[in-house]
Amino acid sequence: MKKGQTFEQAMNRLEEISQALESGDIELEKSLKLYEEGIQLLEFCQTKLNEAEKKVQKLSQKTDGTFTEEPLDDLTTEDDK
């Protein structure tokens, strides 16, 4: 995995790895190396998504007109009810 890699670059590389592994046209040893790289990329992407999720918050307006921030975990939608 490259230092300073973006989420989008990692996802693109994951797609390349997935296609290569699905083709079945590569040697076992190379397949294992690609699989290991894919796992590292997956962990990187999951970490980035978790960081982004923590930053996302909902602003709610109180009855007095002020706003409060609510963590994403506290959100419920009409579909959840």
C-alpha atoms as a PDB file:
ATOM      1  CA  MET A   1       0.000   0.000   0.000  1.00  0.00           C
ATOM      2  CA  LYS A   2       1.286   3.454  -0.918  1.00  0.00           C
ATOM      3  CA  LYS A   3       1.855   6.126   1.712  1.00  0.00           C
ATOM      4  CA  GLY A   4      -0.499   9.070   1.351  1.00  0.00           C
ATOM      5  CA  GLN A   5      -2.972   6.971  -0.596  1.00  0.00           C
ATOM      6  CA  THR A   6      -6.509   8.315  -0.764  1.00  0.00           C
ATOM      7  CA  PHE A   7      -9.664   6.367  -0.088  1.00  0.00           C
ATOM      8  CA  GLU A   8     -10.573   6.572  -3.780  1.00  0.00           C
ATOM      9  CA  GLN A   9      -7.171   5.251  -4.881  1.00  0.00           C
ATOM     10  CA  ALA A  10      -7.454   2.367  -2.443  1.00  0.00           C
ATOM     11  CA  MET A  11     -10.939   1.511  -3.700  1.00  0.00           C
ATOM     12  CA  ASN A  12      -9.729   1.573  -7.307  1.00  0.00           C
ATOM     13  CA  ARG A  13      -6.851  -0.740  -6.438  1.00  0.00           C
ATOM     14  CA  LEU A  14      -9.253  -3.054  -4.613  1.00  0.00           C
ATOM     15  CA  GLU A  15     -11.371  -3.222  -7.768  1.00  0.00           C
ATOM     16  CA  GLU A  16      -8.284  -4.123  -9.831  1.00  0.00           C
ATOM     17  CA  ILE A  17      -7.324  -6.835  -7.357  1.00  0.00           C
ATOM     18  CA  SER A  18     -10.854  -8.206  -7.301  1.00  0.00           C
ATOM     19  CA  GLN A  19     -10.971  -8.438 -11.088  1.00  0.00           C
ATOM     20  CA  ALA A  20      -7.566 -10.117 -11.229  1.00  0.00           C
ATOM     21  CA  LEU A  21      -8.528 -12.687  -8.607  1.00  0.00           C
ATOM     22  CA  GLU A  22     -11.878 -13.375 -10.254  1.00  0.00           C
ATOM     23  CA  SER A  23     -10.243 -13.970 -13.631  1.00  0.00           C
ATOM     24  CA  GLY A  24      -8.440 -17.016 -12.305  1.00  0.00           C
ATOM     25  CA  ASP A  25      -5.607 -16.396 -14.788  1.00  0.00           C
ATOM     26  CA  ILE A  26      -2.879 -15.719 -12.228  1.00  0.00           C
ATOM     27  CA  GLU A  27      -0.554 -18.040 -10.351  1.00  0.00           C
ATOM     28  CA  LEU A  28      -1.315 -19.133  -6.820  1.00  0.00           C
ATOM     29  CA  GLU A  29       1.627 -17.229  -5.320  1.00  0.00           C
ATOM     30  CA  LYS A  30       0.588 -13.985  -7.012  1.00  0.00           C
ATOM     31  CA  SER A  31      -3.038 -14.597  -5.976  1.00  0.00           C
ATOM     32  CA  LEU A  32      -1.969 -14.846  -2.341  1.00  0.00           C
ATOM     33  CA  LYS A  33       0.046 -11.617  -2.555  1.00  0.00           C
ATOM     34  CA  LEU A  34      -2.895  -9.815  -4.166  1.00  0.00           C
ATOM     35  CA  TYR A  35      -5.231 -11.197  -1.509  1.00  0.00           C
ATOM     36  CA  GLU A  36      -2.949  -9.905   1.260  1.00  0.00           C
ATOM     37  CA  GLU A  37      -2.747  -6.495  -0.415  1.00  0.00           C
ATOM     38  CA  GLY A  38      -6.525  -6.479  -0.733  1.00  0.00           C
ATOM     39  CA  ILE A  39      -6.958  -7.186   2.977  1.00  0.00           C
ATOM     40  CA  GLN A  40      -4.656  -4.276   3.836  1.00  0.00           C
ATOM     41  CA  LEU A  41      -6.544  -1.985   1.490  1.00  0.00           C
ATOM     42  CA  LEU A  42      -9.859  -3.111   2.935  1.00  0.00           C
ATOM     43  CA  GLU A  43      -8.685  -2.326   6.455  1.00  0.00           C
ATOM     44  CA  PHE A  44      -7.429   1.091   5.291  1.00  0.00           C
ATOM     45  CA  CYS A  45     -10.777   1.877   3.641  1.00  0.00           C
ATOM     46  CA  GLN A  46     -12.744   0.714   6.675  1.00  0.00           C
ATOM     47  CA  THR A  47     -10.651   2.950   8.927  1.00  0.00           C
ATOM     48  CA  LYS A  48     -11.250   5.930   6.624  1.00  0.00           C
ATOM     49  CA  LEU A  49     -14.995   5.243   6.565  1.00  0.00           C
ATOM     50  CA  ASN A  50     -15.106   4.967  10.363  1.00  0.00           C
ATOM     51  CA  GLU A  51     -13.265   8.294  10.679  1.00  0.00           C
ATOM     52  CA  ALA A  52     -15.674   9.952   8.267  1.00  0.00           C
ATOM     53  CA  GLU A  53     -18.692   8.528  10.095  1.00  0.00           C
ATOM     54  CA  LYS A  54     -17.475  10.010  13.372  1.00  0.00           C
ATOM     55  CA  LYS A  55     -17.279  13.434  11.729  1.00  0.00           C
ATOM     56  CA  VAL A  56     -20.773  13.311  10.317  1.00  0.00           C
ATOM     57  CA  GLN A  57     -23.247  14.823  12.692  1.00  0.00           C
ATOM     58  CA  LYS A  58     -26.801  16.024  12.470  1.00  0.00           C
ATOM     59  CA  LEU A  59     -27.668  19.556  13.471  1.00  0.00           C
ATOM     60  CA  SER A  60     -31.014  19.802  15.230  1.00  0.00           C
ATOM     61  CA  GLN A  61     -32.821  23.006  16.024  1.00  0.00           C
ATOM     62  CA  LYS A  62     -34.216  23.312  19.515  1.00  0.00           C
ATOM     63  CA  THR A  63     -37.487  25.083  20.290  1.00  0.00           C
ATOM     64  CA  ASP A  64     -35.557  28.163  21.458  1.00  0.00           C
ATOM     65  CA  GLY A  65     -33.937  28.467  18.007  1.00  0.00           C
ATOM     66  CA  THR A  66     -30.474  27.264  18.964  1.00  0.00           C
ATOM     67  CA  PHE A  67     -28.815  24.290  17.322  1.00  0.00           C
ATOM     68  CA  THR A  68     -27.330  21.189  18.873  1.00  0.00           C
ATOM     69  CA  GLU A  69     -25.168  18.512  17.305  1.00  0.00           C
ATOM     70  CA  GLU A  70     -26.222  14.901  17.544  1.00  0.00           C
ATOM     71  CA  PRO A  71     -23.895  12.003  16.740  1.00  0.00           C
ATOM     72  CA  LEU A  72     -24.795   9.992  13.669  1.00  0.00           C
ATOM     73  CA  ASP A  73     -25.528   6.940  15.848  1.00  0.00           C
ATOM     74  CA  ASP A  74     -28.429   8.771  17.479  1.00  0.00           C
ATOM     75  CA  LEU A  75     -30.220   9.386  14.196  1.00  0.00           C
ATOM     76  CA  THR A  76     -33.403   7.536  13.410  1.00  0.00           C
ATOM     77  CA  THR A  77     -35.324   7.839  10.199  1.00  0.00           C
ATOM     78  CA  GLU A  78     -38.971   7.289   9.506  1.00  0.00           C
ATOM     79  CA  ASP A  79     -38.006   3.906   8.018  1.00  0.00           C
ATOM     80  CA  ASP A  80     -36.459   2.868  11.343  1.00  0.00           C
ATOM     81  CA  LYS A  81     -39.671   3.470  13.277  1.00  0.00           C
END
